[in-house]
Amino acid sequence: MRILLPTGRVTEELVRRAAAGFDADVAITGELASFLSPAQLLSLLRSSGNIYDMVLVSGMCTASFQEVEEECGIPVYRGPRHAADLGFILPLVREIELSREVPADELLVGRRRKEAYSRIAKCEHDSEPVFEIRGVKIGNKSRIKVLAEIMDAHRHPDILRAASSFFEAGADIVDIGFGFDATAEDVKRVFSLLYHIDGPLAIDSQDPALIDASLFRVDLILSLHEENIGVIGHQVAQASCGAVVVPGKKGLDDNIRLAKEAGIKKIIADPLLQPCGSGFVESLCRFKSYSVPVFFGAGNVIELFDADSVGMAALLAGMAYETGASVIFCSEHSDKTQGCIAEMRNATDMMALMENRPYPKDLGIDSFVIKEKRRRREPPLKYASVTSALTMPKEIEYDPCGNFRIGIEDGYIVAVRNGRAVRGERWQDVLFTLLQEGGVSLMDHAGYLGAELYKAELAIRFGRSFEQDGSF
């Protein structure tokens, strides 16, 4: 297969190095590969006699090459966005179906991710669990299940929406928590509101009266021990509910035995994972092979550690995998743990791909949010002279068209002036609309708006607060 690789002078060396050993010609079309126009490519193909089977343009090109294809009969595909990635794409051009719209590197990542999730789904389908909770497999070779907690459910303004959002974020089981002030009537009311939800629900209470009030709908009880098994254990068994059993004065093994004697068939052992600095490693050593599936309480470890949750979720999921845990617990109690349910689900999905692998690397999915797995080494900039940037004056000239108040609401960027708002998900769309409507007359104001709107988009993307004119 003969390939034409149009590129710019800036990336010529990188492209030639990647093309070595392939039946590919490199053509320089200007300074930057992304500026390639359909007319330039058409001229290039005509002069070459249309001898190519494929053209691979820069993934940064925004032009349409449909007319070039129609005239020359040669398919024009998007290559990678960065020339440094071309060496990874060229060996695969016969194996993957390239796109005319999506850059090849993005396409390849998307394909690998899709294949990874297909493998997870197949493994889960083929797995034989110890038992199921409302259709969710628990134990053996099934995927580690994410259990997400909603605290103080009896005081929540929209418990149905909260539970649904946790399932949508990736939770397999949603745990409904009740404070010490909750009553049996509160529990009945909350579970009545959640009665028709499809996913399995747990109750987080050790109070037999509250547990009893939930048995008409609940699927899993957190937590049973020697002081409440004798009171509520038989009712839990009769309702065919599962139970998470914790150690007490008798110890975990003894309490598991008590739960079995009460007739409970679906038992999960919780050795109680302690926060870092309060016996984390010692408690981790208590995780062993029990006669029942094991519960891994990652939630308090993350909540009581001032560090970004995404990395902690990944590492704790790895620990849960190595200790043979079947269920991992997490929550989004505080601002710093918002998004943790999705992060933990992603981390447990990574663990589901670990079979026959020595470590969770190159799986097709990852937990990178800020850092890159591999930095691209682009060619250095070339210039003949340089001017140091001037300090922007603190006193600015106000735009005669007026100023905008910028904020974020429900995942949208909002720009408001004179009681009218422009709302969008992308900063460039909001800025384009403001410019199209004649709302900006000064260049420095346009630059300012671009910076603030982009900062607002970053705040949404990374779950941070936004303050106009403040630092990100």
Protein backbone atom coordinates (compact mmCIF):
# COMPACT_ATOMS: atom_id res chain seq x y z
CA MET A 1 0.00 0.00 0.00
CA ARG A 2 1.53 3.26 -1.16
CA ILE A 3 0.84 6.23 1.09
CA LEU A 4 1.27 9.96 0.60
CA LEU A 5 2.18 11.89 3.75
CA PRO A 6 1.78 15.66 3.28
CA THR A 7 3.47 17.57 6.09
CA GLY A 8 4.98 20.90 6.99
CA ARG A 9 8.60 21.97 7.25
CA VAL A 10 8.32 22.08 11.05
CA THR A 11 7.54 18.35 11.33
CA GLU A 12 9.37 17.08 8.24
CA GLU A 13 12.11 15.26 10.15
CA LEU A 14 9.64 13.49 12.46
CA VAL A 15 7.46 12.36 9.55
CA ARG A 16 10.40 11.11 7.47
CA ARG A 17 11.71 9.15 10.44
CA ALA A 18 8.29 7.54 11.01
CA ALA A 19 7.88 6.74 7.28
CA ALA A 20 11.22 4.93 7.00
CA GLY A 21 10.62 1.31 6.02
CA PHE A 22 7.12 1.95 4.63
CA ASP A 23 6.02 2.48 1.04
CA ALA A 24 5.32 6.13 1.76
CA ASP A 25 6.29 9.44 0.22
CA VAL A 26 6.68 12.58 2.32
CA ALA A 27 5.66 15.85 0.66
CA ILE A 28 6.32 19.29 2.15
CA THR A 29 3.30 21.54 1.61
CA GLY A 30 4.18 24.57 3.71
CA GLU A 31 5.30 25.57 7.16
CA LEU A 32 2.61 23.69 9.11
CA ALA A 33 0.90 20.43 8.13
CA SER A 34 -2.40 21.59 9.62
CA PHE A 35 -2.65 24.41 7.05
CA LEU A 36 -2.90 22.00 4.09
CA SER A 37 -5.70 23.09 1.73
CA PRO A 38 -7.74 20.90 -0.63
CA ALA A 39 -6.31 22.84 -3.60
CA GLN A 40 -2.73 22.10 -2.48
CA LEU A 41 -3.44 18.40 -2.05
CA LEU A 42 -5.23 18.19 -5.39
CA SER A 43 -2.26 19.81 -7.14
CA LEU A 44 0.13 17.45 -5.38
CA LEU A 45 -1.80 14.36 -6.46
CA ARG A 46 -2.16 15.55 -10.05
CA SER A 47 1.57 16.17 -10.36
CA SER A 48 2.33 12.72 -8.97
CA GLY A 49 0.03 10.93 -11.40
CA ASN A 50 -2.36 9.66 -8.73
CA ILE A 51 -0.10 6.73 -7.85
CA TYR A 52 -1.17 6.46 -4.21
CA ASP A 53 -3.59 4.12 -2.47
CA MET A 54 -4.13 6.48 0.45
CA VAL A 55 -3.36 9.97 1.67
CA LEU A 56 -2.78 10.51 5.38
CA VAL A 57 -3.11 14.20 6.26
CA SER A 58 -2.42 15.75 9.64
CA GLY A 59 -5.10 15.07 12.22
CA MET A 60 -5.02 18.80 12.99
CA CYS A 61 -6.36 19.68 9.50
CA THR A 62 -9.86 21.13 9.61
CA ALA A 63 -10.48 21.28 5.84
CA SER A 64 -12.71 18.80 3.99
CA PHE A 65 -10.97 16.79 1.28
CA GLN A 66 -14.13 15.22 -0.13
CA GLU A 67 -13.77 16.97 -3.51
CA VAL A 68 -10.16 15.75 -3.75
CA GLU A 69 -11.32 12.19 -3.22
CA GLU A 70 -14.10 12.53 -5.79
CA GLU A 71 -11.74 13.85 -8.47
CA CYS A 72 -8.74 11.58 -7.82
CA GLY A 73 -10.41 8.48 -6.43
CA ILE A 74 -7.86 8.27 -3.62
CA PRO A 75 -9.13 8.11 -0.02
CA VAL A 76 -7.91 10.89 2.25
CA TYR A 77 -7.79 9.98 5.93
CA ARG A 78 -6.91 11.87 9.08
CA GLY A 79 -3.56 10.87 10.51
CA PRO A 80 -2.57 11.55 14.13
CA ARG A 81 -2.83 15.06 15.52
CA HIS A 82 0.84 15.04 16.45
CA ALA A 83 3.59 13.99 14.08
CA ALA A 84 5.31 12.26 16.98
CA ASP A 85 2.49 9.68 16.99
CA LEU A 86 2.76 8.79 13.30
CA GLY A 87 5.19 5.96 14.07
CA PHE A 88 2.46 4.23 16.09
CA ILE A 89 -0.18 4.62 13.36
CA LEU A 90 1.63 3.58 10.16
CA PRO A 91 2.15 -0.07 11.19
CA LEU A 92 -1.62 -0.34 11.76
CA VAL A 93 -3.02 1.21 8.57
CA ARG A 94 -3.86 -2.21 7.12
CA GLU A 95 -5.53 -3.36 10.34
CA ILE A 96 -7.67 -0.42 11.39
CA GLU A 97 -10.38 1.47 9.55
CA LEU A 98 -9.21 5.06 9.46
CA SER A 99 -11.57 8.03 9.52
CA ARG A 100 -12.03 11.09 7.33
CA GLU A 101 -13.14 13.15 10.34
CA VAL A 102 -11.56 11.67 13.50
CA PRO A 103 -7.76 11.91 13.97
CA ALA A 104 -6.08 8.49 13.84
CA ASP A 105 -4.64 8.67 17.36
CA GLU A 106 -8.05 9.50 18.83
CA LEU A 107 -9.62 6.76 16.72
CA LEU A 108 -7.08 4.22 17.94
CA VAL A 109 -7.62 5.18 21.58
CA GLY A 110 -11.37 4.92 21.09
CA ARG A 111 -11.04 1.52 19.44
CA ARG A 112 -8.83 0.16 22.21
CA ARG A 113 -11.24 1.50 24.82
CA LYS A 114 -14.20 -0.12 23.06
CA GLU A 115 -12.33 -3.44 22.85
CA ALA A 116 -11.43 -3.19 26.55
CA TYR A 117 -15.06 -2.71 27.58
CA SER A 118 -16.10 -5.57 25.30
CA ARG A 119 -13.61 -7.84 27.09
CA ILE A 120 -14.94 -6.73 30.47
CA ALA A 121 -18.54 -7.40 29.40
CA LYS A 122 -17.64 -10.85 28.06
CA CYS A 123 -15.72 -11.84 31.18
CA GLU A 124 -18.60 -10.67 33.36
CA HIS A 125 -21.11 -12.58 31.25
CA ASP A 126 -19.04 -15.77 31.43
CA SER A 127 -18.22 -15.52 35.14
CA GLU A 128 -19.79 -17.80 37.76
CA PRO A 129 -20.43 -15.75 40.92
CA VAL A 130 -20.83 -16.94 44.49
CA PHE A 131 -24.30 -15.36 44.41
CA GLU A 132 -26.24 -12.52 42.82
CA ILE A 133 -27.89 -9.46 44.36
CA ARG A 134 -30.81 -8.34 42.19
CA GLY A 135 -28.99 -9.68 39.12
CA VAL A 136 -25.57 -8.24 40.04
CA LYS A 137 -22.91 -10.93 40.29
CA ILE A 138 -20.84 -11.04 43.48
CA GLY A 139 -17.61 -12.96 43.99
CA ASN A 140 -15.41 -15.50 42.20
CA LYS A 141 -14.22 -14.25 38.80
CA SER A 142 -16.87 -11.57 38.45
CA ARG A 143 -15.81 -7.93 38.33
CA ILE A 144 -15.28 -6.05 41.61
CA LYS A 145 -18.59 -4.27 42.24
CA VAL A 146 -18.76 -0.61 43.25
CA LEU A 147 -21.04 0.18 46.18
CA ALA A 148 -21.75 3.91 46.52
CA GLU A 149 -23.26 5.50 49.64
CA ILE A 150 -25.76 8.33 50.01
CA MET A 151 -25.60 9.69 53.56
CA ASP A 152 -28.59 10.98 55.52
CA ALA A 153 -31.03 9.84 52.85
CA HIS A 154 -34.05 10.82 54.98
CA ARG A 155 -33.00 14.46 54.68
CA HIS A 156 -32.08 14.39 50.99
CA PRO A 157 -34.20 16.76 48.86
CA ASP A 158 -34.31 14.42 45.83
CA ILE A 159 -33.23 10.92 46.83
CA LEU A 160 -34.49 9.30 43.62
CA ARG A 161 -32.39 11.58 41.45
CA ALA A 162 -29.36 11.08 43.72
CA ALA A 163 -29.59 7.28 43.57
CA SER A 164 -30.19 7.31 39.81
CA SER A 165 -27.17 9.56 39.24
CA PHE A 166 -24.94 7.17 41.20
CA PHE A 167 -26.07 4.24 39.06
CA GLU A 168 -25.45 6.34 35.94
CA ALA A 169 -21.95 7.17 37.22
CA GLY A 170 -21.09 3.48 37.44
CA ALA A 171 -22.23 2.26 40.85
CA ASP A 172 -23.39 -1.36 40.88
CA ILE A 173 -25.15 -1.03 44.24
CA VAL A 174 -26.35 2.17 45.93
CA ASP A 175 -26.20 2.21 49.72
CA ILE A 176 -28.87 4.30 51.44
CA GLY A 177 -27.51 5.70 54.71
CA PHE A 178 -29.53 6.96 57.68
CA GLY A 179 -28.34 9.08 60.59
CA PHE A 180 -29.06 8.44 64.26
CA ASP A 181 -32.12 10.71 64.10
CA ALA A 182 -33.82 8.61 61.38
CA THR A 183 -37.00 6.71 62.23
CA ALA A 184 -38.56 3.58 60.78
CA GLU A 185 -41.10 5.82 59.03
CA ASP A 186 -38.23 7.73 57.40
CA VAL A 187 -36.78 4.47 56.11
CA LYS A 188 -40.13 3.30 54.71
CA ARG A 189 -40.69 6.64 53.01
CA VAL A 190 -37.24 6.70 51.39
CA PHE A 191 -37.37 3.11 50.13
CA SER A 192 -40.91 3.68 48.87
CA LEU A 193 -39.56 6.54 46.74
CA LEU A 194 -36.84 4.20 45.44
CA TYR A 195 -39.07 1.13 45.10
CA HIS A 196 -39.19 1.05 41.29
CA ILE A 197 -35.50 1.77 40.70
CA ASP A 198 -33.88 -1.11 38.79
CA GLY A 199 -30.53 -1.45 40.55
CA PRO A 200 -29.81 -3.16 43.88
CA LEU A 201 -30.14 -1.03 47.01
CA ALA A 202 -28.46 -1.41 50.40
CA ILE A 203 -29.30 0.10 53.76
CA ASP A 204 -26.50 1.42 55.95
CA SER A 205 -27.77 0.92 59.49
CA GLN A 206 -27.09 -1.37 62.41
CA ASP A 207 -30.46 -0.57 64.02
CA PRO A 208 -32.76 -3.64 63.77
CA ALA A 209 -35.87 -1.43 63.63
CA LEU A 210 -34.55 0.56 60.66
CA ILE A 211 -33.35 -2.60 58.90
CA ASP A 212 -36.76 -4.20 59.39
CA ALA A 213 -38.47 -1.14 57.90
CA SER A 214 -36.41 -1.49 54.70
CA LEU A 215 -36.91 -5.21 54.04
CA PHE A 216 -39.86 -4.67 51.66
CA ARG A 217 -37.38 -3.31 49.06
CA VAL A 218 -33.75 -3.48 50.22
CA ASP A 219 -31.32 -6.03 48.72
CA LEU A 220 -28.27 -5.76 51.00
CA ILE A 221 -27.83 -4.90 54.69
CA LEU A 222 -24.83 -2.95 56.03
CA SER A 223 -23.90 -4.06 58.67
CA LEU A 224 -24.67 -7.12 60.79
CA HIS A 225 -22.78 -8.29 63.89
CA GLU A 226 -23.42 -10.36 67.00
CA GLU A 227 -25.55 -7.65 68.65
CA ASN A 228 -28.15 -7.39 65.88
CA ILE A 229 -28.00 -10.75 64.08
CA GLY A 230 -30.02 -12.39 66.84
CA VAL A 231 -32.69 -9.66 66.59
CA ILE A 232 -33.04 -9.19 62.82
CA GLY A 233 -31.06 -12.03 61.21
CA HIS A 234 -34.02 -14.35 60.54
CA GLN A 235 -36.06 -11.54 58.97
CA VAL A 236 -33.12 -10.67 56.71
CA ALA A 237 -32.91 -14.32 55.66
CA GLN A 238 -36.65 -14.58 55.02
CA ALA A 239 -36.48 -11.49 52.79
CA SER A 240 -33.64 -13.19 50.80
CA CYS A 241 -31.44 -10.16 51.42
CA GLY A 242 -27.68 -10.18 51.39
CA ALA A 243 -25.73 -8.93 54.39
CA VAL A 244 -22.35 -7.35 55.01
CA VAL A 245 -21.04 -8.82 58.26
CA VAL A 246 -18.55 -6.89 60.38
CA PRO A 247 -16.36 -7.98 63.30
CA GLY A 248 -17.53 -7.24 66.82
CA LYS A 249 -16.71 -8.66 70.21
CA LYS A 250 -16.89 -12.17 68.75
CA GLY A 251 -14.73 -11.46 65.70
CA LEU A 252 -15.53 -11.64 62.01
CA ASP A 253 -15.38 -15.42 61.55
CA ASP A 254 -17.75 -15.98 64.49
CA ASN A 255 -20.19 -13.38 63.18
CA ILE A 256 -20.17 -14.97 59.72
CA ARG A 257 -21.08 -18.26 61.40
CA LEU A 258 -23.94 -16.54 63.30
CA ALA A 259 -25.26 -15.04 60.07
CA LYS A 260 -25.24 -18.46 58.41
CA GLU A 261 -27.04 -19.99 61.40
CA ALA A 262 -29.71 -17.29 61.04
CA GLY A 263 -30.31 -18.59 57.51
CA ILE A 264 -28.67 -15.73 55.57
CA LYS A 265 -27.35 -17.14 52.29
CA LYS A 266 -25.71 -14.08 50.72
CA ILE A 267 -22.96 -12.98 53.10
CA ILE A 268 -20.12 -10.53 52.47
CA ALA A 269 -17.31 -10.22 55.02
CA ASP A 270 -16.06 -6.75 55.96
CA PRO A 271 -12.70 -6.85 57.82
CA LEU A 272 -13.02 -3.03 58.33
CA LEU A 273 -10.35 -1.06 56.45
CA GLN A 274 -8.99 1.81 58.57
CA PRO A 275 -7.90 5.25 57.25
CA CYS A 276 -4.23 6.03 56.58
CA GLY A 277 -2.49 6.93 59.81
CA SER A 278 -5.02 5.07 61.91
CA GLY A 279 -4.02 1.50 61.22
CA PHE A 280 -4.48 1.26 57.46
CA VAL A 281 -1.65 -1.24 56.82
CA GLU A 282 -2.49 -3.28 59.92
CA SER A 283 -6.15 -3.53 58.89
CA LEU A 284 -5.14 -4.39 55.34
CA CYS A 285 -3.28 -7.38 56.74
CA ARG A 286 -6.60 -8.71 58.08
CA PHE A 287 -7.88 -9.20 54.55
CA LYS A 288 -7.61 -12.91 53.82
CA SER A 289 -9.45 -15.73 52.15
CA TYR A 290 -12.82 -16.01 53.86
CA SER A 291 -15.54 -18.55 53.16
CA VAL A 292 -17.62 -15.72 51.66
CA PRO A 293 -16.96 -12.74 49.35
CA VAL A 294 -15.05 -9.80 50.88
CA PHE A 295 -16.00 -6.11 51.26
CA PHE A 296 -13.30 -3.44 50.80
CA GLY A 297 -14.19 -0.13 52.50
CA ALA A 298 -12.20 2.36 50.44
CA GLY A 299 -14.57 5.27 51.14
CA ASN A 300 -13.17 6.42 54.49
CA VAL A 301 -9.59 6.02 53.27
CA ILE A 302 -10.26 8.47 50.43
CA GLU A 303 -12.50 10.80 52.44
CA LEU A 304 -9.97 11.18 55.26
CA PHE A 305 -6.96 11.89 53.05
CA ASP A 306 -6.42 15.32 51.48
CA ALA A 307 -5.33 14.08 48.08
CA ASP A 308 -6.97 13.86 44.68
CA SER A 309 -9.39 10.96 44.71
CA VAL A 310 -8.71 9.64 41.20
CA GLY A 311 -5.24 8.27 41.99
CA MET A 312 -6.31 6.99 45.39
CA ALA A 313 -9.27 5.18 43.83
CA ALA A 314 -6.98 3.51 41.32
CA LEU A 315 -4.49 2.33 43.95
CA LEU A 316 -7.19 1.16 46.37
CA ALA A 317 -8.92 -0.75 43.58
CA GLY A 318 -5.59 -2.44 42.93
CA MET A 319 -5.35 -3.39 46.61
CA ALA A 320 -8.92 -4.69 46.55
CA TYR A 321 -8.01 -6.80 43.51
CA GLU A 322 -4.93 -8.27 45.18
CA THR A 323 -6.80 -9.05 48.40
CA GLY A 324 -9.54 -10.82 46.46
CA ALA A 325 -12.29 -8.36 47.41
CA SER A 326 -15.62 -8.64 45.59
CA VAL A 327 -17.22 -5.31 46.57
CA ILE A 328 -15.53 -1.93 47.02
CA PHE A 329 -17.20 0.90 48.93
CA CYS A 330 -16.83 4.60 48.08
CA SER A 331 -18.79 7.81 48.48
CA GLU A 332 -19.04 11.43 47.45
CA HIS A 333 -19.69 12.97 50.86
CA SER A 334 -17.47 16.04 50.41
CA ASP A 335 -16.61 18.46 47.63
CA LYS A 336 -13.15 16.91 47.22
CA THR A 337 -14.62 13.47 46.48
CA GLN A 338 -17.16 14.58 43.87
CA GLY A 339 -16.85 12.29 40.85
CA CYS A 340 -15.32 9.49 42.93
CA ILE A 341 -17.99 6.96 41.94
CA ALA A 342 -17.06 7.20 38.26
CA GLU A 343 -13.36 7.18 39.16
CA MET A 344 -13.74 4.02 41.22
CA ARG A 345 -15.79 2.28 38.55
CA ASN A 346 -13.10 3.10 36.01
CA ALA A 347 -10.44 1.75 38.36
CA THR A 348 -12.32 -1.49 38.98
CA ASP A 349 -12.84 -1.87 35.23
CA MET A 350 -9.07 -1.67 34.89
CA MET A 351 -8.74 -4.47 37.45
CA ALA A 352 -11.21 -6.56 35.44
CA LEU A 353 -8.68 -6.49 32.58
CA MET A 354 -5.82 -7.75 34.73
CA GLU A 355 -6.09 -11.47 33.98
CA ASN A 356 -2.74 -12.84 32.74
CA ARG A 357 -1.14 -9.41 33.19
CA PRO A 358 1.60 -8.53 35.71
CA TYR A 359 0.42 -4.93 36.20
CA PRO A 360 -2.40 -2.56 35.16
CA LYS A 361 -0.68 -0.94 32.18
CA ASP A 362 -1.66 -0.62 28.51
CA LEU A 363 -5.14 -1.96 29.22
CA GLY A 364 -7.06 0.23 26.78
CA ILE A 365 -8.49 2.34 29.63
CA ASP A 366 -6.65 4.33 32.27
CA SER A 367 -7.11 6.80 35.13
CA PHE A 368 -5.13 9.72 33.75
CA VAL A 369 -6.80 13.08 34.28
CA ILE A 370 -4.03 15.70 34.35
CA LYS A 371 -0.78 13.96 33.54
CA GLU A 372 0.06 12.29 30.24
CA LYS A 373 1.24 8.73 29.86
CA ARG A 374 3.73 9.80 27.22
CA ARG A 375 4.76 13.36 26.44
CA ARG A 376 5.06 14.27 22.78
CA ARG A 377 8.37 15.78 21.75
CA GLU A 378 7.51 18.33 19.10
CA PRO A 379 10.23 20.07 17.03
CA PRO A 380 11.59 23.27 18.56
CA LEU A 381 10.23 26.61 17.40
CA LYS A 382 12.36 28.57 14.95
CA TYR A 383 12.54 32.37 14.87
CA ALA A 384 15.04 35.11 14.02
CA SER A 385 14.23 37.56 16.80
CA VAL A 386 12.39 37.69 20.10
CA THR A 387 10.58 40.40 22.07
CA SER A 388 9.91 40.01 25.77
CA ALA A 389 6.25 40.19 26.66
CA LEU A 390 5.03 43.44 28.17
CA THR A 391 3.28 43.46 31.52
CA MET A 392 -0.41 43.94 31.05
CA PRO A 393 -1.51 47.15 32.79
CA LYS A 394 -3.73 46.78 35.84
CA GLU A 395 -5.93 49.61 34.66
CA ILE A 396 -7.96 48.33 31.75
CA GLU A 397 -10.09 50.16 29.22
CA TYR A 398 -13.69 49.10 29.64
CA ASP A 399 -15.47 47.97 26.51
CA PRO A 400 -18.15 50.47 25.46
CA CYS A 401 -20.39 47.48 24.67
CA GLY A 402 -20.40 46.58 28.36
CA ASN A 403 -18.98 43.88 30.60
CA PHE A 404 -20.00 40.26 31.13
CA ARG A 405 -20.48 38.28 34.32
CA ILE A 406 -19.16 34.76 33.71
CA GLY A 407 -20.07 31.71 35.78
CA ILE A 408 -20.81 27.99 35.59
CA GLU A 409 -24.19 26.30 36.18
CA ASP A 410 -25.12 22.61 35.83
CA GLY A 411 -22.15 21.83 33.61
CA TYR A 412 -22.59 24.88 31.37
CA ILE A 413 -20.56 28.07 30.89
CA VAL A 414 -22.79 31.13 31.27
CA ALA A 415 -22.01 34.70 30.23
CA VAL A 416 -24.51 37.33 31.45
CA ARG A 417 -24.96 40.99 30.55
CA ASN A 418 -27.96 43.24 31.09
CA GLY A 419 -30.15 40.34 32.19
CA ARG A 420 -29.45 38.21 29.09
CA ALA A 421 -27.34 35.07 29.21
CA VAL A 422 -25.41 33.09 26.62
CA ARG A 423 -24.90 29.47 27.67
CA GLY A 424 -22.77 26.70 26.18
CA GLU A 425 -20.60 23.70 26.98
CA ARG A 426 -17.50 24.91 25.11
CA TRP A 427 -15.74 28.18 25.73
CA GLN A 428 -15.21 28.86 22.01
CA ASP A 429 -18.93 28.49 21.28
CA VAL A 430 -19.84 31.05 23.94
CA LEU A 431 -17.15 33.47 22.75
CA PHE A 432 -18.16 33.04 19.11
CA THR A 433 -21.78 33.84 20.00
CA LEU A 434 -20.78 36.96 21.91
CA LEU A 435 -18.67 38.15 18.99
CA GLN A 436 -21.38 37.34 16.41
CA GLU A 437 -23.91 39.36 18.37
CA GLY A 438 -21.64 42.40 18.40
CA GLY A 439 -21.12 42.23 22.13
CA VAL A 440 -17.38 42.96 22.02
CA SER A 441 -15.64 45.96 20.45
CA LEU A 442 -12.12 45.88 21.96
CA MET A 443 -9.45 43.28 21.16
CA ASP A 444 -8.16 43.13 24.72
CA HIS A 445 -11.70 42.54 25.97
CA ALA A 446 -12.09 39.67 23.50
CA GLY A 447 -8.81 38.19 24.75
CA TYR A 448 -9.93 38.58 28.35
CA LEU A 449 -13.26 36.87 27.64
CA GLY A 450 -11.52 34.00 25.87
CA ALA A 451 -9.26 33.43 28.87
CA GLU A 452 -12.09 33.57 31.42
CA LEU A 453 -14.44 31.38 29.38
CA TYR A 454 -11.71 28.77 28.91
CA LYS A 455 -10.99 28.88 32.63
CA ALA A 456 -14.70 28.26 33.26
CA GLU A 457 -14.62 25.22 30.95
CA LEU A 458 -11.58 23.85 32.80
CA ALA A 459 -13.39 24.31 36.10
CA ILE A 460 -16.29 22.21 34.81
CA ARG A 461 -14.00 19.57 33.32
CA PHE A 462 -12.02 19.10 36.53
CA GLY A 463 -14.86 19.63 38.99
CA ARG A 464 -13.40 22.80 40.50
CA SER A 465 -15.00 26.04 41.62
CA PHE A 466 -14.84 29.06 39.32
CA GLU A 467 -14.21 32.68 40.19
CA GLN A 468 -14.13 35.30 37.50
CA ASP A 469 -10.81 37.19 37.58
CA GLY A 470 -9.50 34.70 40.15
CA SER A 471 -6.76 32.15 39.63
CA PHE A 472 -7.60 28.61 38.47
